[in-house]
Protein backbone atom coordinates (compact mmCIF):
# COMPACT_ATOMS: atom_id res chain seq x y z
CA MET A 1 81.57 87.02 76.75
CA THR A 2 81.16 86.69 80.82
CA THR A 3 82.72 83.61 82.20
CA LYS A 4 83.06 82.08 85.37
CA THR A 5 86.00 83.51 87.42
CA ALA A 6 88.85 80.64 88.97
CA GLN A 7 87.74 80.20 92.69
CA ILE A 8 89.89 82.53 94.67
CA PRO A 9 93.18 81.26 96.42
CA ALA A 10 93.61 81.88 100.21
CA PRO A 11 95.93 84.78 100.01
CA ASP A 12 99.80 84.28 100.24
CA THR A 13 100.35 84.23 103.74
CA SER A 14 104.36 83.66 103.22
CA LEU A 15 106.03 86.67 104.97
CA SER A 16 108.91 88.38 103.07
CA LEU A 17 109.18 91.03 105.59
CA ALA A 18 110.66 90.52 109.67
CA ALA A 19 107.89 89.40 111.86
CA PRO A 20 108.54 92.59 113.65
CA LYS A 21 107.33 94.42 110.79
CA VAL A 22 104.55 92.46 109.91
CA ALA A 23 103.07 92.66 113.20
CA LEU A 24 103.31 96.49 113.10
CA ILE A 25 101.38 96.26 109.70
CA LEU A 26 98.95 94.40 110.60
CA ALA A 27 97.89 96.64 114.38
CA ALA A 28 98.77 99.48 111.93
CA GLU A 29 95.85 98.28 109.63
CA VAL A 30 93.42 97.47 112.57
CA LEU A 31 94.10 100.63 114.03
CA PHE A 32 93.65 103.09 111.05
CA ALA A 33 91.15 101.18 110.12
CA ARG A 34 89.15 102.13 113.05
CA ASP A 35 90.85 105.47 113.95
CA GLY A 36 91.70 107.07 110.94
CA ILE A 37 95.12 107.30 109.66
CA GLU A 38 95.93 110.42 111.08
CA GLY A 39 94.13 109.08 114.54
CA ALA A 40 95.90 106.29 115.13
CA SER A 41 99.03 106.81 117.60
CA LEU A 42 101.81 105.12 116.79
CA ARG A 43 102.84 104.23 120.58
CA GLU A 44 99.02 102.56 120.54
CA ILE A 45 100.02 100.42 116.92
CA ALA A 46 103.52 99.35 118.68
CA ALA A 47 101.84 98.44 121.94
CA GLN A 48 99.20 96.68 119.78
CA ALA A 49 102.45 94.76 117.80
CA GLY A 50 103.79 93.82 121.08
CA GLN A 51 106.70 95.75 120.84
CA ARG A 52 108.11 97.08 123.91
CA ASN A 53 109.92 100.31 121.92
CA HIS A 54 107.20 102.44 121.80
CA HIS A 55 109.07 103.82 118.61
CA ALA A 56 109.01 100.79 116.37
CA VAL A 57 107.27 102.30 113.91
CA GLN A 58 109.83 105.10 113.32
CA TYR A 59 112.44 102.20 113.91
CA HIS A 60 111.50 100.20 111.14
CA PHE A 61 109.03 101.81 108.76
CA GLY A 62 110.59 105.54 109.45
CA SER A 63 107.29 107.52 109.28
CA ARG A 64 103.81 107.11 109.44
CA ASP A 65 103.39 107.87 105.38
CA SER A 66 105.83 104.74 105.20
CA LEU A 67 103.87 102.77 106.96
CA VAL A 68 100.72 103.50 105.54
CA GLN A 69 102.07 102.57 102.28
CA ALA A 70 103.35 99.33 103.63
CA ILE A 71 100.09 98.48 104.54
CA PHE A 72 99.03 98.90 100.90
CA ASP A 73 102.40 97.17 99.35
CA TYR A 74 101.74 94.31 101.70
CA ARG A 75 98.20 93.53 101.04
CA MET A 76 98.45 94.19 97.15
CA ASN A 77 101.47 91.46 97.35
CA GLN A 78 98.99 89.18 99.24
CA MET A 79 96.45 89.32 96.35
CA GLU A 80 99.06 88.74 93.77
CA SER A 81 98.27 85.03 93.21
CA ALA A 82 94.54 85.09 93.43
CA ARG A 83 94.95 87.40 90.49
CA GLY A 84 97.20 85.87 88.44
CA ALA A 85 95.06 82.64 88.67
CA MET A 86 92.14 84.60 87.51
CA LEU A 87 93.89 85.80 84.55
CA ALA A 88 95.42 82.79 83.59
CA VAL A 89 91.66 81.23 83.75
CA ALA A 90 90.13 84.66 81.94
CA GLU A 91 92.89 84.26 79.38
CA ALA A 92 92.04 80.60 78.57
CA ALA A 93 88.45 81.83 78.17
CA ARG A 94 89.37 84.57 75.86
CA SER A 95 87.37 87.13 78.24
CA LEU A 96 90.32 89.64 79.04
CA ALA A 97 87.91 92.30 77.30
CA ASP A 98 85.44 91.31 79.11
CA LEU A 99 84.64 94.22 81.78
CA ARG A 100 82.67 92.20 84.28
CA THR A 101 85.64 89.46 84.14
CA ILE A 102 88.10 92.61 85.11
CA THR A 103 86.07 93.91 87.55
CA GLU A 104 85.57 90.54 89.71
CA ILE A 105 89.79 89.99 88.80
CA ILE A 106 89.96 93.78 90.95
CA PHE A 107 88.00 93.28 93.60
CA ARG A 108 87.10 89.69 94.49
CA PRO A 109 90.35 88.98 96.30
CA GLN A 110 89.97 91.26 98.60
CA ILE A 111 87.00 89.51 100.39
CA GLU A 112 90.04 87.42 101.34
CA LEU A 113 92.03 89.88 103.43
CA ILE A 114 90.50 88.93 106.89
CA ASP A 115 92.26 90.05 110.13
CA GLU A 116 93.05 88.87 113.36
CA PHE A 117 89.71 89.48 114.97
CA GLY A 118 87.68 87.76 111.82
CA ASP A 119 87.18 91.21 110.12
CA HIS A 120 87.68 92.80 107.08
CA SER A 121 89.93 95.55 108.64
CA TYR A 122 91.49 96.27 105.90
CA ALA A 123 88.35 97.46 103.98
CA GLY A 124 88.68 100.69 106.42
CA PHE A 125 92.30 101.10 105.88
CA LEU A 126 91.83 101.06 102.14
CA THR A 127 89.13 103.61 102.46
CA ALA A 128 90.91 106.04 104.26
CA TYR A 129 94.13 105.41 101.92
CA LEU A 130 91.70 106.41 99.13
CA LEU A 131 90.32 109.24 100.96
CA ARG A 132 94.32 110.75 101.56
CA TYR A 133 95.99 109.35 98.64
CA GLN A 134 94.07 110.86 95.38
CA ALA A 135 96.04 111.02 91.88
CA ARG A 136 94.35 111.76 88.41
CA ARG A 137 96.33 109.26 86.58
CA PHE A 138 94.75 106.05 86.06
CA GLY A 139 95.84 103.02 88.33
CA GLN A 140 97.61 105.55 90.30
CA PHE A 141 97.51 104.31 93.87
CA GLY A 142 100.77 104.15 95.14
CA GLU A 143 104.51 104.13 93.99
CA ARG A 144 104.51 100.61 93.19
CA VAL A 145 101.95 98.52 91.81
CA ALA A 146 101.96 94.83 91.76
CA PRO A 147 102.70 92.86 88.14
CA ASN A 148 98.99 91.54 88.11
CA LEU A 149 97.22 93.99 89.59
CA ALA A 150 99.21 96.42 87.06
CA ARG A 151 98.32 94.11 83.93
CA THR A 152 94.58 93.89 85.28
CA LEU A 153 94.31 97.65 85.22
CA VAL A 154 95.88 97.82 81.64
CA LEU A 155 92.92 95.72 81.04
CA LEU A 156 90.12 97.33 82.59
CA ARG A 157 91.96 101.05 80.64
CA ALA A 158 91.27 99.02 77.73
CA CYS A 159 87.77 98.37 78.40
CA LEU A 160 86.73 102.38 79.89
CA ASP A 161 89.11 103.52 76.45
CA PHE A 162 86.08 106.13 75.45
CA LEU A 163 86.52 108.05 79.27
CA PRO A 164 89.32 110.22 79.63
CA GLU A 165 92.02 109.36 82.05
CA HIS A 166 91.21 111.69 84.77
CA VAL A 167 87.34 110.35 84.19
CA ALA A 168 88.18 106.68 84.37
CA GLN A 169 90.36 107.27 87.37
CA ARG A 170 87.40 108.59 89.56
CA ARG A 171 84.86 106.45 88.05
CA LEU A 172 87.78 103.39 89.11
CA VAL A 173 88.01 105.06 92.96
CA THR A 174 84.09 105.33 92.88
CA ALA A 175 83.98 101.56 92.56
CA CYS A 176 86.79 100.91 95.20
CA PHE A 177 84.46 103.05 97.84
CA MET A 178 81.19 100.98 96.67
CA PHE A 179 82.66 97.52 96.93
CA LEU A 180 84.94 98.39 99.94
CA ASN A 181 81.51 99.73 101.84
CA ILE A 182 80.17 95.76 101.63
CA LEU A 183 83.13 94.60 103.10
CA VAL A 184 82.72 97.00 105.83
CA ILE A 185 79.07 96.51 106.48
CA HIS A 186 79.36 92.71 105.79
CA THR A 187 82.63 92.55 107.55
CA ARG A 188 80.85 89.38 109.46
CA ASP A 189 78.81 87.02 107.84
CA ASN A 190 76.29 86.17 109.92
CA GLY A 191 73.41 86.56 107.60
CA GLU A 192 71.24 88.53 110.48
CA GLU A 193 70.17 91.11 107.91
CA GLY A 194 68.21 88.49 105.35
CA GLU A 195 71.00 88.99 102.74
CA ARG A 196 73.77 86.48 101.96
CA PHE A 197 76.86 88.28 102.11
CA GLU A 198 77.89 86.83 97.82
CA ASP A 199 74.43 88.00 97.13
CA ALA A 200 75.28 91.14 98.39
CA VAL A 201 78.89 91.10 96.61
CA ILE A 202 77.39 90.15 93.38
CA ASP A 203 75.02 92.89 93.20
CA THR A 204 77.64 95.44 94.05
CA LEU A 205 80.06 93.97 91.25
CA GLY A 206 76.96 94.11 89.01
CA GLN A 207 76.48 98.15 89.98
CA ILE A 208 80.35 98.68 89.83
CA VAL A 209 79.83 97.75 86.01
CA ALA A 210 77.00 99.68 85.59
CA ALA A 211 78.35 102.94 86.85
CA LEU A 212 82.32 101.75 84.92
CA ALA A 213 80.28 101.44 81.90
CA ALA A 214 78.07 104.81 81.80
CA PRO A 215 77.91 106.66 79.00
CA LEU A 216 79.59 110.18 78.85
CA PRO A 217 76.84 112.86 79.35
CA ALA A 218 76.43 114.51 76.50
CA GLU A 219 77.68 118.14 76.14
CA THR A 220 75.74 121.15 76.91
């Protein structure tokens, strides 16, 4: 049974990190999305974040890789409250085993992650991140996984228990690319192309569910 999910709360904007680190994270997200993770200059990131110290990234994070992981962790933590609320609604409706519901919980909170320019630069960053960080274990996208995301991934794996581990992971990554592509294309919901953003989201989520649930090909 598919249930209507909860209205997604706005991302948690409380900053648990020091302000300069957050500024660097947000500046790096925009520049990594624009120039690629290896293409963006650490000096330019520091300047974009308003830091006079050209080596601010190295000072606060130590390395490019650590900054990349910090962006991922920061955004995952911002989506925790939204996922928690959606999980509670799904649990009350007894729909935690419904693939469409779990897919919505994974992907819809990403819509609310808007940068200072009104764009989904996070989508561009995460696309580059997924291309760079590849793992065969299901749900492995970094060193740490936020609790509500971890729970949702466990529920998703249960829905895909007919798939081998590496196939389930490959399909999940492919699903991520499908959804992120919609955010990149519709980075500003101006409706100029004749398709409402929400219509594109609904259609893409349907495609994702179909792709995730597709039966394995028969062995020849």
